[in-house]
C-alpha atoms as a PDB file:
ATOM      1  CA  UNK A   1       0.000   0.000   0.000  1.00  0.00           C
ATOM      2  CA  UNK A   2       2.805   2.424   0.889  1.00  0.00           C
ATOM      3  CA  UNK A   3       4.488   1.722  -2.428  1.00  0.00           C
ATOM      4  CA  UNK A   4       1.362   2.721  -4.358  1.00  0.00           C
ATOM      5  CA  UNK A   5       0.923   5.942  -2.348  1.00  0.00           C
ATOM      6  CA  UNK A   6       4.578   6.909  -2.704  1.00  0.00           C
ATOM      7  CA  UNK A   7       4.584   6.148  -6.420  1.00  0.00           C
ATOM      8  CA  UNK A   8       1.376   8.142  -6.941  1.00  0.00           C
ATOM      9  CA  UNK A   9       2.815  11.098  -5.010  1.00  0.00           C
ATOM     10  CA  UNK A  10       6.023  11.088  -7.058  1.00  0.00           C
ATOM     11  CA  UNK A  11       4.031  10.831 -10.291  1.00  0.00           C
ATOM     12  CA  UNK A  12       1.805  13.786  -9.303  1.00  0.00           C
ATOM     13  CA  UNK A  13       4.819  15.866  -8.235  1.00  0.00           C
ATOM     14  CA  UNK A  14       6.591  15.196 -11.542  1.00  0.00           C
ATOM     15  CA  UNK A  15       3.419  15.975 -13.487  1.00  0.00           C
ATOM     16  CA  UNK A  16       2.943  19.283 -11.652  1.00  0.00           C
ATOM     17  CA  UNK A  17       6.542  20.314 -12.410  1.00  0.00           C
ATOM     18  CA  UNK A  18       5.973  19.738 -16.108  1.00  0.00           C
ATOM     19  CA  UNK A  19       3.190  22.328 -16.170  1.00  0.00           C
ATOM     20  CA  UNK A  20       5.001  25.175 -14.406  1.00  0.00           C
ATOM     21  CA  UNK A  21       3.622  27.799 -16.827  1.00  0.00           C
ATOM     22  CA  UNK A  22       6.806  28.600 -18.743  1.00  0.00           C
ATOM     23  CA  UNK A  23       6.504  27.912 -22.445  1.00  0.00           C
ATOM     24  CA  UNK A  24       9.400  27.312 -24.753  1.00  0.00           C
ATOM     25  CA  UNK A  25      13.010  26.615 -23.870  1.00  0.00           C
ATOM     26  CA  UNK A  26      14.438  28.093 -20.703  1.00  0.00           C
ATOM     27  CA  UNK A  27      17.096  30.638 -21.677  1.00  0.00           C
ATOM     28  CA  UNK A  28      18.828  33.557 -19.995  1.00  0.00           C
ATOM     29  CA  UNK A  29      17.793  37.039 -21.178  1.00  0.00           C
ATOM     30  CA  UNK A  30      20.149  38.974 -23.439  1.00  0.00           C
ATOM     31  CA  UNK A  31      21.735  41.648 -21.249  1.00  0.00           C
ATOM     32  CA  UNK A  32      23.487  44.501 -23.096  1.00  0.00           C
ATOM     33  CA  UNK A  33      27.139  45.034 -22.163  1.00  0.00           C
ATOM     34  CA  UNK A  34      27.893  47.882 -19.742  1.00  0.00           C
ATOM     35  CA  UNK A  35      28.866  51.213 -21.328  1.00  0.00           C
ATOM     36  CA  UNK A  36      32.537  52.085 -21.664  1.00  0.00           C
ATOM     37  CA  UNK A  37      33.901  54.351 -18.909  1.00  0.00           C
ATOM     38  CA  UNK A  38      34.799  57.896 -19.991  1.00  0.00           C
ATOM     39  CA  UNK A  39      38.407  58.464 -21.012  1.00  0.00           C
ATOM     40  CA  UNK A  40      38.687  61.719 -19.057  1.00  0.00           C
ATOM     41  CA  UNK A  41      37.239  62.466 -15.670  1.00  0.00           C
ATOM     42  CA  UNK A  42      34.740  65.307 -15.478  1.00  0.00           C
ATOM     43  CA  UNK A  43      36.285  68.607 -14.327  1.00  0.00           C
ATOM     44  CA  UNK A  44      35.788  69.490 -10.689  1.00  0.00           C
ATOM     45  CA  UNK A  45      35.936  73.244 -11.312  1.00  0.00           C
ATOM     46  CA  UNK A  46      32.917  75.468 -11.856  1.00  0.00           C
ATOM     47  CA  UNK A  47      29.863  73.492 -12.796  1.00  0.00           C
ATOM     48  CA  UNK A  48      26.970  74.614 -14.900  1.00  0.00           C
ATOM     49  CA  UNK A  49      24.344  75.242 -13.685  1.00  0.00           C
ATOM     50  CA  UNK A  50      25.982  76.500 -10.519  1.00  0.00           C
ATOM     51  CA  UNK A  51      25.028  74.680  -7.355  1.00  0.00           C
ATOM     52  CA  UNK A  52      22.764  76.499  -4.923  1.00  0.00           C
ATOM     53  CA  UNK A  53      24.610  77.905  -1.969  1.00  0.00           C
ATOM     54  CA  UNK A  54      23.359  76.921   1.460  1.00  0.00           C
ATOM     55  CA  UNK A  55      23.190  79.612   4.141  1.00  0.00           C
END
C-alpha cells in the first residue's frame, strides 16, 4: 500500500513540475554590455548650472 501511495505522489509531483507555466526553452535574457567608462574624468571646477549655496 505504501508503495502505491509513494509512487502516486512522485508521479503527481513530476506531473505538476511539467506544467510550471513557462513555455518554450528556458534561456537567460540577453543583457546589453555595460557602457565604456569615460576616457577623461569630469572637471571638478565650476559646474553649470551652478550649485545652490546653502546659508
